[in-house]
Structure formats: structure tokens, C-alpha cells
Amino acid sequence: MPREPVGSMLYLHWEGDPDAEYVRGHVSPKEAREAVRPEWDCGDAPTQHTWGRWVPDPTGEYDMRFYQVEEWSRGCFAVTAVLYG
């Protein structure tokens, strides 16, 4: 899977309403909010540094699924979550 550059928004297809938008890398709150603004006027939404992982989709509907994980482990990458209110 190609890597998005640090500071760019991960474009995800959500099932239901999303709880956050994700930006690749542990970036500052300002950088994270600027990355998601083209899609969502997030104002001063809270941010959180966390980890993400791409996993093959067991249903076959998509190639890969994104999972947020709380602790780093092998195969994870840094993301900054911009949280919905």
C-alpha cells in the first residue's frame, strides 16, 4: 500500500458516522486541523496522538481496513486523530 506523506489526511470510507479523522504522523494539533479542513471545518476540535494499522479486509469488500490501536506494536504507524465533538 502506498504511504501517505506525514501531515496528510487519511481518506477512509466509513461504515456509519465517523468519530475522528486521521492524519498520518504525530503532528501538531494545528497541522492536523489544517490537513482535515478541506473536508471538515473542525474549528478547535481536540486531537490525539495514537497509532494505526492497515489490515486485509476479511469480507473482501475492501482491500484493506484501517484500525486505530492504542499502543505501538509491529506494523503500526503514527497517526493524529482529530476528534468529532
N, C-alpha and C. Protein backbone atom coordinates (compact mmCIF):
# COMPACT_ATOMS: atom_id res chain seq x y z
N MET A 1 0.83 -1.18 0.00
CA MET A 1 0.00 0.00 0.00
C MET A 1 0.88 1.25 0.00
N PRO A 2 0.60 2.22 -0.86
CA PRO A 2 1.44 3.42 -0.86
C PRO A 2 1.26 4.22 0.42
N ARG A 3 2.32 4.81 0.88
CA ARG A 3 2.26 5.62 2.10
C ARG A 3 1.86 7.04 1.77
N GLU A 4 1.00 7.58 2.61
CA GLU A 4 0.67 8.99 2.52
C GLU A 4 1.79 9.77 3.19
N PRO A 5 2.11 10.98 2.70
CA PRO A 5 3.15 11.76 3.37
C PRO A 5 2.70 12.18 4.78
N VAL A 6 3.67 12.33 5.67
CA VAL A 6 3.38 12.80 7.03
C VAL A 6 2.67 14.14 6.93
N GLY A 7 1.59 14.28 7.69
CA GLY A 7 0.81 15.51 7.69
C GLY A 7 -0.36 15.50 6.73
N SER A 8 -0.55 14.40 6.00
CA SER A 8 -1.69 14.35 5.07
C SER A 8 -2.82 13.53 5.68
N MET A 9 -4.03 13.88 5.28
CA MET A 9 -5.22 13.21 5.80
C MET A 9 -5.35 11.83 5.19
N LEU A 10 -5.76 10.86 6.01
CA LEU A 10 -6.08 9.53 5.51
C LEU A 10 -7.55 9.56 5.06
N TYR A 11 -7.80 9.27 3.80
CA TYR A 11 -9.18 9.27 3.29
C TYR A 11 -9.75 7.88 3.49
N LEU A 12 -10.71 7.77 4.39
CA LEU A 12 -11.30 6.49 4.76
C LEU A 12 -12.77 6.44 4.36
N HIS A 13 -13.25 5.27 3.99
CA HIS A 13 -14.68 5.06 3.74
C HIS A 13 -15.26 4.51 5.04
N TRP A 14 -16.16 5.29 5.64
CA TRP A 14 -16.72 4.92 6.94
C TRP A 14 -17.99 4.11 6.79
N GLU A 15 -18.19 3.18 7.69
CA GLU A 15 -19.47 2.49 7.83
C GLU A 15 -20.14 3.14 9.03
N GLY A 16 -21.13 3.98 8.79
CA GLY A 16 -21.74 4.75 9.87
C GLY A 16 -21.04 6.09 10.03
N ASP A 17 -21.30 6.74 11.14
CA ASP A 17 -20.74 8.06 11.40
C ASP A 17 -19.34 7.94 11.98
N PRO A 18 -18.38 8.71 11.46
CA PRO A 18 -17.02 8.64 11.99
C PRO A 18 -16.92 9.33 13.35
N ASP A 19 -15.96 8.89 14.15
CA ASP A 19 -15.69 9.54 15.43
C ASP A 19 -14.45 10.42 15.37
N ALA A 20 -13.70 10.30 14.26
CA ALA A 20 -12.48 11.10 14.10
C ALA A 20 -12.07 11.08 12.63
N GLU A 21 -11.20 12.02 12.28
CA GLU A 21 -10.49 11.98 11.01
C GLU A 21 -9.03 11.80 11.37
N TYR A 22 -8.27 11.13 10.52
CA TYR A 22 -6.90 10.77 10.86
C TYR A 22 -5.90 11.41 9.90
N VAL A 23 -4.78 11.85 10.47
CA VAL A 23 -3.69 12.46 9.73
C VAL A 23 -2.45 11.60 9.97
N ARG A 24 -1.71 11.31 8.93
CA ARG A 24 -0.52 10.46 9.08
C ARG A 24 0.56 11.19 9.86
N GLY A 25 1.13 10.50 10.85
CA GLY A 25 2.22 11.03 11.67
C GLY A 25 1.70 11.69 12.94
N HIS A 26 2.59 11.84 13.90
CA HIS A 26 2.28 12.58 15.12
C HIS A 26 2.62 14.04 14.84
N VAL A 27 1.63 14.79 14.40
CA VAL A 27 1.82 16.19 14.03
C VAL A 27 1.17 17.08 15.08
N SER A 28 1.44 18.36 15.01
CA SER A 28 0.86 19.30 15.98
C SER A 28 -0.65 19.40 15.76
N PRO A 29 -1.39 19.81 16.79
CA PRO A 29 -2.84 19.99 16.61
C PRO A 29 -3.17 20.93 15.45
N LYS A 30 -2.39 22.00 15.31
CA LYS A 30 -2.64 22.95 14.21
C LYS A 30 -2.47 22.28 12.85
N GLU A 31 -1.39 21.52 12.67
CA GLU A 31 -1.15 20.83 11.40
C GLU A 31 -2.25 19.81 11.10
N ALA A 32 -2.69 19.09 12.14
CA ALA A 32 -3.74 18.09 11.94
C ALA A 32 -5.05 18.75 11.52
N ARG A 33 -5.41 19.84 12.19
CA ARG A 33 -6.67 20.52 11.84
C ARG A 33 -6.61 21.09 10.44
N GLU A 34 -5.45 21.64 10.05
CA GLU A 34 -5.31 22.18 8.69
C GLU A 34 -5.42 21.07 7.64
N ALA A 35 -4.94 19.88 7.95
CA ALA A 35 -5.00 18.77 7.00
C ALA A 35 -6.43 18.31 6.74
N VAL A 36 -7.29 18.38 7.76
CA VAL A 36 -8.68 17.90 7.58
C VAL A 36 -9.63 19.01 7.15
N ARG A 37 -9.23 20.27 7.21
CA ARG A 37 -10.14 21.38 6.88
C ARG A 37 -10.77 21.31 5.50
N PRO A 38 -10.08 20.82 4.46
CA PRO A 38 -10.77 20.74 3.16
C PRO A 38 -12.03 19.86 3.21
N GLU A 39 -12.08 18.91 4.14
CA GLU A 39 -13.22 18.00 4.26
C GLU A 39 -14.19 18.39 5.37
N TRP A 40 -13.68 19.09 6.39
CA TRP A 40 -14.49 19.33 7.59
C TRP A 40 -13.95 20.57 8.29
N ASP A 41 -14.82 21.54 8.55
CA ASP A 41 -14.41 22.73 9.30
C ASP A 41 -14.40 22.36 10.77
N CYS A 42 -13.26 21.89 11.25
CA CYS A 42 -13.17 21.30 12.58
C CYS A 42 -12.98 22.32 13.70
N GLY A 43 -12.80 23.59 13.37
CA GLY A 43 -12.62 24.60 14.41
C GLY A 43 -11.44 24.25 15.30
N ASP A 44 -11.68 24.21 16.62
CA ASP A 44 -10.64 23.85 17.59
C ASP A 44 -10.88 22.45 18.14
N ALA A 45 -11.26 21.52 17.28
CA ALA A 45 -11.54 20.14 17.72
C ALA A 45 -10.32 19.56 18.43
N PRO A 46 -10.56 18.73 19.44
CA PRO A 46 -9.43 18.11 20.15
C PRO A 46 -8.70 17.12 19.23
N THR A 47 -7.42 16.93 19.52
CA THR A 47 -6.60 15.98 18.76
C THR A 47 -5.98 14.98 19.72
N GLN A 48 -5.54 13.85 19.16
CA GLN A 48 -4.93 12.81 19.99
C GLN A 48 -3.87 12.09 19.15
N HIS A 49 -2.67 11.94 19.70
CA HIS A 49 -1.65 11.13 19.04
C HIS A 49 -1.92 9.68 19.37
N THR A 50 -1.99 8.85 18.34
CA THR A 50 -2.30 7.44 18.53
C THR A 50 -1.61 6.65 17.43
N TRP A 51 -2.01 5.43 17.21
CA TRP A 51 -1.37 4.54 16.23
C TRP A 51 -2.44 3.94 15.34
N GLY A 52 -2.06 3.63 14.11
CA GLY A 52 -2.98 3.00 13.17
C GLY A 52 -2.34 1.78 12.53
N ARG A 53 -3.20 0.97 11.93
CA ARG A 53 -2.72 -0.25 11.28
C ARG A 53 -3.65 -0.56 10.10
N TRP A 54 -3.07 -0.92 8.96
CA TRP A 54 -3.84 -1.43 7.83
C TRP A 54 -3.86 -2.95 7.92
N VAL A 55 -5.06 -3.52 7.80
CA VAL A 55 -5.23 -4.97 7.91
C VAL A 55 -6.06 -5.44 6.71
N PRO A 56 -5.71 -6.56 6.09
CA PRO A 56 -6.54 -7.06 4.99
C PRO A 56 -8.00 -7.22 5.44
N ASP A 57 -8.92 -6.80 4.57
CA ASP A 57 -10.35 -6.85 4.89
C ASP A 57 -10.85 -8.29 4.78
N PRO A 58 -11.33 -8.87 5.89
CA PRO A 58 -11.77 -10.26 5.84
C PRO A 58 -13.04 -10.47 5.00
N THR A 59 -13.81 -9.42 4.77
CA THR A 59 -15.05 -9.56 3.99
C THR A 59 -14.79 -9.54 2.49
N GLY A 60 -13.65 -9.00 2.08
CA GLY A 60 -13.35 -8.88 0.66
C GLY A 60 -13.98 -7.65 0.02
N GLU A 61 -14.75 -6.87 0.78
CA GLU A 61 -15.38 -5.67 0.25
C GLU A 61 -14.34 -4.61 -0.10
N TYR A 62 -13.29 -4.52 0.71
CA TYR A 62 -12.20 -3.58 0.50
C TYR A 62 -10.89 -4.35 0.49
N ASP A 63 -9.84 -3.73 -0.03
CA ASP A 63 -8.53 -4.38 0.03
C ASP A 63 -8.02 -4.42 1.46
N MET A 64 -8.09 -3.24 2.13
CA MET A 64 -7.56 -3.11 3.48
C MET A 64 -8.54 -2.34 4.36
N ARG A 65 -8.45 -2.57 5.65
CA ARG A 65 -9.21 -1.81 6.64
C ARG A 65 -8.23 -1.12 7.57
N PHE A 66 -8.64 0.07 8.03
CA PHE A 66 -7.83 0.83 8.97
C PHE A 66 -8.35 0.57 10.37
N TYR A 67 -7.45 0.30 11.28
CA TYR A 67 -7.79 0.15 12.70
C TYR A 67 -6.94 1.09 13.51
N GLN A 68 -7.57 1.80 14.45
CA GLN A 68 -6.83 2.60 15.41
C GLN A 68 -6.46 1.69 16.56
N VAL A 69 -5.21 1.77 16.99
CA VAL A 69 -4.75 0.97 18.13
C VAL A 69 -4.13 1.91 19.15
N GLU A 70 -4.24 1.58 20.41
CA GLU A 70 -3.79 2.47 21.48
C GLU A 70 -2.29 2.44 21.72
N GLU A 71 -1.65 1.31 21.49
CA GLU A 71 -0.22 1.20 21.76
C GLU A 71 0.50 0.74 20.50
N TRP A 72 1.72 1.22 20.33
CA TRP A 72 2.51 0.81 19.18
C TRP A 72 2.82 -0.67 19.27
N SER A 73 2.77 -1.33 18.14
CA SER A 73 3.27 -2.69 18.01
C SER A 73 3.74 -2.85 16.57
N ARG A 74 4.36 -3.93 16.28
CA ARG A 74 4.92 -4.15 14.95
C ARG A 74 3.84 -3.98 13.89
N GLY A 75 4.16 -3.22 12.85
CA GLY A 75 3.22 -2.99 11.76
C GLY A 75 2.36 -1.75 11.92
N CYS A 76 2.46 -1.07 13.06
CA CYS A 76 1.67 0.15 13.29
C CYS A 76 2.41 1.37 12.75
N PHE A 77 1.65 2.43 12.56
CA PHE A 77 2.25 3.70 12.15
C PHE A 77 1.58 4.83 12.92
N ALA A 78 2.30 5.92 13.07
CA ALA A 78 1.82 7.07 13.85
C ALA A 78 0.70 7.79 13.10
N VAL A 79 -0.37 8.15 13.83
CA VAL A 79 -1.44 8.99 13.30
C VAL A 79 -1.85 9.99 14.36
N THR A 80 -2.39 11.10 13.90
CA THR A 80 -3.01 12.07 14.80
C THR A 80 -4.50 12.08 14.49
N ALA A 81 -5.31 11.83 15.50
CA ALA A 81 -6.76 11.83 15.33
C ALA A 81 -7.30 13.22 15.64
N VAL A 82 -8.15 13.72 14.76
CA VAL A 82 -8.90 14.97 15.02
C VAL A 82 -10.30 14.49 15.36
N LEU A 83 -10.69 14.67 16.62
CA LEU A 83 -11.91 14.07 17.16
C LEU A 83 -13.14 14.92 16.89
N TYR A 84 -14.21 14.25 16.51
CA TYR A 84 -15.50 14.92 16.38
C TYR A 84 -16.05 15.18 17.78
N GLY A 85 -16.74 16.31 17.95
CA GLY A 85 -17.29 16.72 19.23
C GLY A 85 -18.18 15.76 19.83
